[in-house]
Amino acid sequence: MIDVVIADDQELVRTGFEMILDAQPGIRVVGVARDGVECVELARRLRPAVVLADIRMPRMDGLEVTRALAGERPGEPVVNVVVITTFDQDDYVRDALRYGACGFLLKDAPPALLVEAVRAASHGDALISPAVTVRLLRGLQHGFGGSEEHRAAAGLSSRETEIAGLVAVGRTNQEIAEELFLSLSSVKTYLARIQAKVEARNRVEIAAWAWENGVVTSRDQRP
C-alpha cells in the first residue's frame, strides 16, 4: 500500500487529489495538510511513501517542505516529495530539484498523470513530464554551463550518455528500449550505472545532469 500525504492551501485541490488517489488500488491518502508546517509534522509522524506538496503555501512553502523531508538529515527518514507547481514557477521548481524533489506535477494535471507520479515516486523513481520538466531543465543548460571535461569526469560510456539524454527529454524506460533496440532490463541496468556515476538520487537528477552538461541533442528532443 502506498501511503500519501497531500499538502495544498487550496481546499479544492486537496479534495480533488484525495478523491482521485483514494479511488486507486494500492494507494491511500493518510493525511491532508493546509500548509507546509502541518505537512512536515504529518509526514514525520505518519511516514508516508510520498508527499504531494504545493510550491506556494502559508507558514512554510513547498521548497522548505522539500528540503526538510527529501534532504539528507541525520536521524530523519527521507521522504519522496512530488512538487505541485504551475507554469510560471520555474525558479521555484529549480530550487525544489536541488533540494531533492523527485517529481513535478501541474495542478491541472489529468488524474492518470497524478497516479503515475505517485506510483513512480513510491519506488524512488521520478516522473519526467515533457510538459513541465523538460522545459524547466532546458533552462539549466544555459544556467550552469557544463563542460566536456565535466562530462568526461563522470565516466559515462557513449551508450550511457545517450540514455541520459533520452531520460532528460522525457522518454520512459519502454520508449528508450524501443528506440535503442534494448531490452527493458538492460535499460534499467544502464540507468542504475548512470545514477551511480553522476551521483544522482533519482531520475530527475539524471535529467538535470544531462541538461547541465549539454548531453541532450536536437535529435533527442521531441517536437
Protein backbone atom coordinates (compact mmCIF):
# COMPACT_ATOMS: atom_id res chain seq x y z
CA MET A 1 0.00 0.00 0.00
CA ILE A 2 1.34 3.43 -0.98
CA ASP A 3 0.61 5.96 1.77
CA VAL A 4 0.35 9.58 0.63
CA VAL A 5 0.19 12.97 2.34
CA ILE A 6 -1.24 15.89 0.35
CA ALA A 7 -0.32 19.49 1.16
CA ASP A 8 -2.00 22.43 -0.56
CA ASP A 9 -3.62 25.61 0.71
CA GLN A 10 -6.50 25.27 -1.76
CA GLU A 11 -9.26 23.03 -0.46
CA LEU A 12 -10.49 22.20 -3.95
CA VAL A 13 -7.05 20.87 -4.95
CA ARG A 14 -6.67 18.87 -1.74
CA THR A 15 -10.12 17.32 -2.07
CA GLY A 16 -9.70 16.54 -5.76
CA PHE A 17 -6.33 14.86 -5.33
CA GLU A 18 -7.57 12.91 -2.33
CA MET A 19 -10.62 11.58 -4.19
CA ILE A 20 -8.54 10.54 -7.20
CA LEU A 21 -5.85 8.77 -5.20
CA ASP A 22 -8.16 7.03 -2.72
CA ALA A 23 -10.00 5.51 -5.66
CA GLN A 24 -6.85 3.78 -6.88
CA PRO A 25 -5.95 0.23 -5.84
CA GLY A 26 -2.85 0.16 -3.68
CA ILE A 27 -2.91 3.89 -2.84
CA ARG A 28 -4.37 5.60 0.22
CA VAL A 29 -4.25 9.18 1.44
CA VAL A 30 -3.27 9.09 5.12
CA GLY A 31 -3.05 12.83 5.73
CA VAL A 32 -4.05 16.18 4.29
CA ALA A 33 -2.31 19.46 5.20
CA ARG A 34 -3.27 23.09 4.61
CA ASP A 35 0.26 24.48 4.95
CA GLY A 36 3.89 23.44 4.99
CA VAL A 37 4.35 23.21 8.74
CA GLU A 38 1.38 20.88 9.06
CA CYS A 39 2.69 18.85 6.11
CA VAL A 40 6.11 18.27 7.69
CA GLU A 41 4.54 17.34 11.02
CA LEU A 42 2.20 14.84 9.36
CA ALA A 43 4.96 13.35 7.22
CA ARG A 44 7.29 12.83 10.18
CA ARG A 45 4.51 11.26 12.23
CA LEU A 46 2.86 9.12 9.56
CA ARG A 47 5.94 8.39 7.42
CA PRO A 48 4.14 8.17 4.07
CA ALA A 49 5.81 6.82 0.95
CA VAL A 50 5.02 10.01 -0.96
CA VAL A 51 4.23 13.64 -0.16
CA LEU A 52 2.49 15.90 -2.69
CA ALA A 53 3.48 19.46 -1.77
CA ASP A 54 2.37 22.71 -3.36
CA ILE A 55 5.18 25.18 -4.02
CA ARG A 56 3.29 28.14 -2.52
CA MET A 57 1.83 27.54 0.94
CA PRO A 58 1.50 29.56 4.17
CA ARG A 59 3.96 29.31 7.08
CA MET A 60 6.33 27.00 5.18
CA ASP A 61 6.40 26.84 1.40
CA GLY A 62 6.95 23.78 -0.77
CA LEU A 63 10.68 24.48 -1.09
CA GLU A 64 11.17 24.36 2.68
CA VAL A 65 8.98 21.25 2.86
CA THR A 66 11.10 19.55 0.20
CA ARG A 67 14.34 20.47 1.91
CA ALA A 68 13.01 19.26 5.28
CA LEU A 69 11.66 15.94 4.02
CA ALA A 70 13.73 14.99 0.97
CA GLY A 71 17.13 16.26 2.12
CA GLU A 72 19.67 14.10 3.87
CA ARG A 73 19.24 14.75 7.60
CA PRO A 74 20.74 12.57 10.35
CA GLY A 75 18.03 10.75 12.26
CA GLU A 76 15.24 11.76 9.86
CA PRO A 77 13.83 9.41 7.19
CA VAL A 78 13.97 10.70 3.62
CA VAL A 79 10.52 11.14 2.07
CA ASN A 80 9.81 11.16 -1.66
CA VAL A 81 8.34 14.59 -2.45
CA VAL A 82 6.41 15.40 -5.62
CA VAL A 83 6.12 19.15 -6.11
CA ILE A 84 2.81 20.62 -7.26
CA THR A 85 3.51 23.62 -9.45
CA THR A 86 2.29 25.89 -12.24
CA PHE A 87 3.91 27.01 -15.48
CA ASP A 88 5.05 30.38 -14.09
CA GLN A 89 7.20 28.98 -11.28
CA ASP A 90 10.37 27.72 -12.98
CA ASP A 91 12.72 29.33 -10.46
CA TYR A 92 10.92 27.70 -7.56
CA VAL A 93 10.99 24.31 -9.24
CA ARG A 94 14.72 24.53 -9.94
CA ASP A 95 15.30 25.05 -6.24
CA ALA A 96 12.97 22.17 -5.38
CA LEU A 97 15.05 19.95 -7.69
CA ARG A 98 18.22 20.91 -5.84
CA TYR A 99 16.54 20.15 -2.52
CA GLY A 100 15.68 16.61 -3.64
CA ALA A 101 12.20 16.70 -5.21
CA CYS A 102 11.57 13.54 -7.21
CA GLY A 103 8.81 14.78 -9.47
CA PHE A 104 6.83 17.77 -10.70
CA LEU A 105 3.12 17.91 -11.32
CA LEU A 106 0.84 20.62 -12.68
CA LYS A 107 -2.20 21.43 -10.58
CA ASP A 108 -4.44 20.79 -13.57
CA ALA A 109 -2.73 17.51 -14.47
CA PRO A 110 -5.08 14.72 -15.59
CA PRO A 111 -5.86 12.05 -12.97
CA ALA A 112 -3.78 9.40 -14.75
CA LEU A 113 -0.67 11.59 -14.53
CA LEU A 114 -1.24 12.22 -10.82
CA VAL A 115 -1.48 8.49 -10.18
CA GLU A 116 1.60 7.81 -12.32
CA ALA A 117 3.60 10.43 -10.41
CA VAL A 118 2.68 8.91 -7.05
CA ARG A 119 3.46 5.36 -8.12
CA ALA A 120 6.80 6.40 -9.63
CA ALA A 121 7.80 8.36 -6.53
CA SER A 122 6.88 5.47 -4.24
CA HIS A 123 9.57 3.38 -5.96
CA GLY A 124 12.16 6.13 -5.64
CA ASP A 125 11.80 6.89 -9.33
CA ALA A 126 10.60 10.17 -10.72
CA LEU A 127 8.04 11.38 -13.17
CA ILE A 128 9.64 13.31 -16.04
CA SER A 129 6.77 15.17 -17.65
CA PRO A 130 7.62 16.68 -21.04
CA ALA A 131 5.00 19.37 -20.35
CA VAL A 132 6.84 20.64 -17.29
CA THR A 133 10.23 19.19 -16.56
CA VAL A 134 11.81 19.29 -20.00
CA ARG A 135 11.00 23.00 -20.34
CA LEU A 136 12.37 23.60 -16.87
CA LEU A 137 15.55 21.56 -17.25
CA ARG A 138 16.32 23.04 -20.65
CA GLY A 139 16.98 26.29 -18.79
CA LEU A 140 19.70 24.57 -16.78
CA GLN A 141 21.66 24.14 -20.00
CA HIS A 142 22.21 27.89 -20.00
CA GLY A 143 22.31 28.41 -16.26
CA PHE A 144 25.19 26.13 -15.33
CA GLY A 145 27.39 25.72 -18.39
CA GLY A 146 28.54 22.14 -18.09
CA SER A 147 31.76 21.32 -19.86
CA GLU A 148 33.13 18.42 -21.89
CA GLU A 149 35.68 17.87 -19.13
CA HIS A 150 32.91 17.62 -16.56
CA ARG A 151 31.07 15.08 -18.69
CA ALA A 152 34.23 13.05 -19.16
CA ALA A 153 34.90 13.09 -15.43
CA ALA A 154 31.62 11.25 -14.82
CA GLY A 155 32.98 8.34 -16.87
CA LEU A 156 29.81 7.62 -18.83
CA SER A 157 30.10 5.42 -21.86
CA SER A 158 28.65 6.62 -25.16
CA ARG A 159 25.58 4.42 -24.63
CA GLU A 160 25.09 5.69 -21.08
CA THR A 161 25.40 9.28 -22.29
CA GLU A 162 22.81 8.60 -24.99
CA ILE A 163 20.38 7.13 -22.46
CA ALA A 164 20.91 10.02 -20.04
CA GLY A 165 19.98 12.39 -22.85
CA LEU A 166 16.79 10.46 -23.58
CA VAL A 167 15.82 10.49 -19.91
CA ALA A 168 16.30 14.25 -19.91
CA VAL A 169 13.71 14.77 -22.64
CA GLY A 170 11.06 12.62 -21.03
CA ARG A 171 11.47 9.19 -22.59
CA THR A 172 10.14 6.34 -20.49
CA ASN A 173 12.18 3.17 -19.99
CA GLN A 174 10.00 1.39 -22.52
CA GLU A 175 10.46 4.15 -25.11
CA ILE A 176 14.23 4.10 -24.59
CA ALA A 177 14.28 0.32 -25.01
CA GLU A 178 12.32 0.52 -28.26
CA GLU A 179 14.34 3.40 -29.68
CA LEU A 180 17.73 1.85 -28.92
CA PHE A 181 16.71 -1.77 -29.55
CA LEU A 182 17.48 -2.81 -25.98
CA SER A 183 15.62 -4.98 -23.51
CA LEU A 184 13.81 -3.24 -20.68
CA SER A 185 16.10 -4.90 -18.14
CA SER A 186 19.16 -3.57 -20.00
CA VAL A 187 17.78 -0.03 -19.86
CA LYS A 188 17.24 -0.36 -16.11
CA THR A 189 20.80 -1.64 -15.68
CA TYR A 190 22.18 1.30 -17.65
CA LEU A 191 20.13 3.74 -15.57
CA ALA A 192 21.48 2.28 -12.34
CA ARG A 193 25.04 2.72 -13.63
CA ILE A 194 24.35 6.29 -14.76
CA GLN A 195 22.80 7.16 -11.42
CA ALA A 196 25.86 5.88 -9.57
CA LYS A 197 28.37 7.60 -11.87
CA VAL A 198 26.77 11.05 -11.82
CA GLU A 199 25.81 10.68 -8.13
CA ALA A 200 22.12 11.25 -8.82
CA ARG A 201 19.49 10.34 -6.25
CA ASN A 202 16.77 9.72 -8.81
CA ARG A 203 15.69 10.02 -12.44
CA VAL A 204 15.08 13.76 -12.23
CA GLU A 205 18.66 14.35 -11.15
CA ILE A 206 19.93 12.27 -14.08
CA ALA A 207 17.88 14.54 -16.33
CA ALA A 208 19.23 17.65 -14.62
CA TRP A 209 22.80 16.41 -15.03
CA ALA A 210 22.20 15.78 -18.73
CA TRP A 211 20.87 19.30 -19.31
CA GLU A 212 23.57 20.93 -17.17
CA ASN A 213 26.30 19.16 -19.10
CA GLY A 214 24.93 19.61 -22.60
CA VAL A 215 24.47 15.96 -23.48
CA VAL A 216 20.96 16.47 -24.90
CA THR A 217 20.99 16.60 -28.69
CA SER A 218 18.46 18.09 -31.08
CA ARG A 219 17.68 14.53 -32.20
CA ASP A 220 16.65 13.65 -28.64
CA GLN A 221 14.16 16.48 -28.25
CA ARG A 222 10.54 15.93 -29.07
CA PRO A 223 8.95 18.49 -31.39
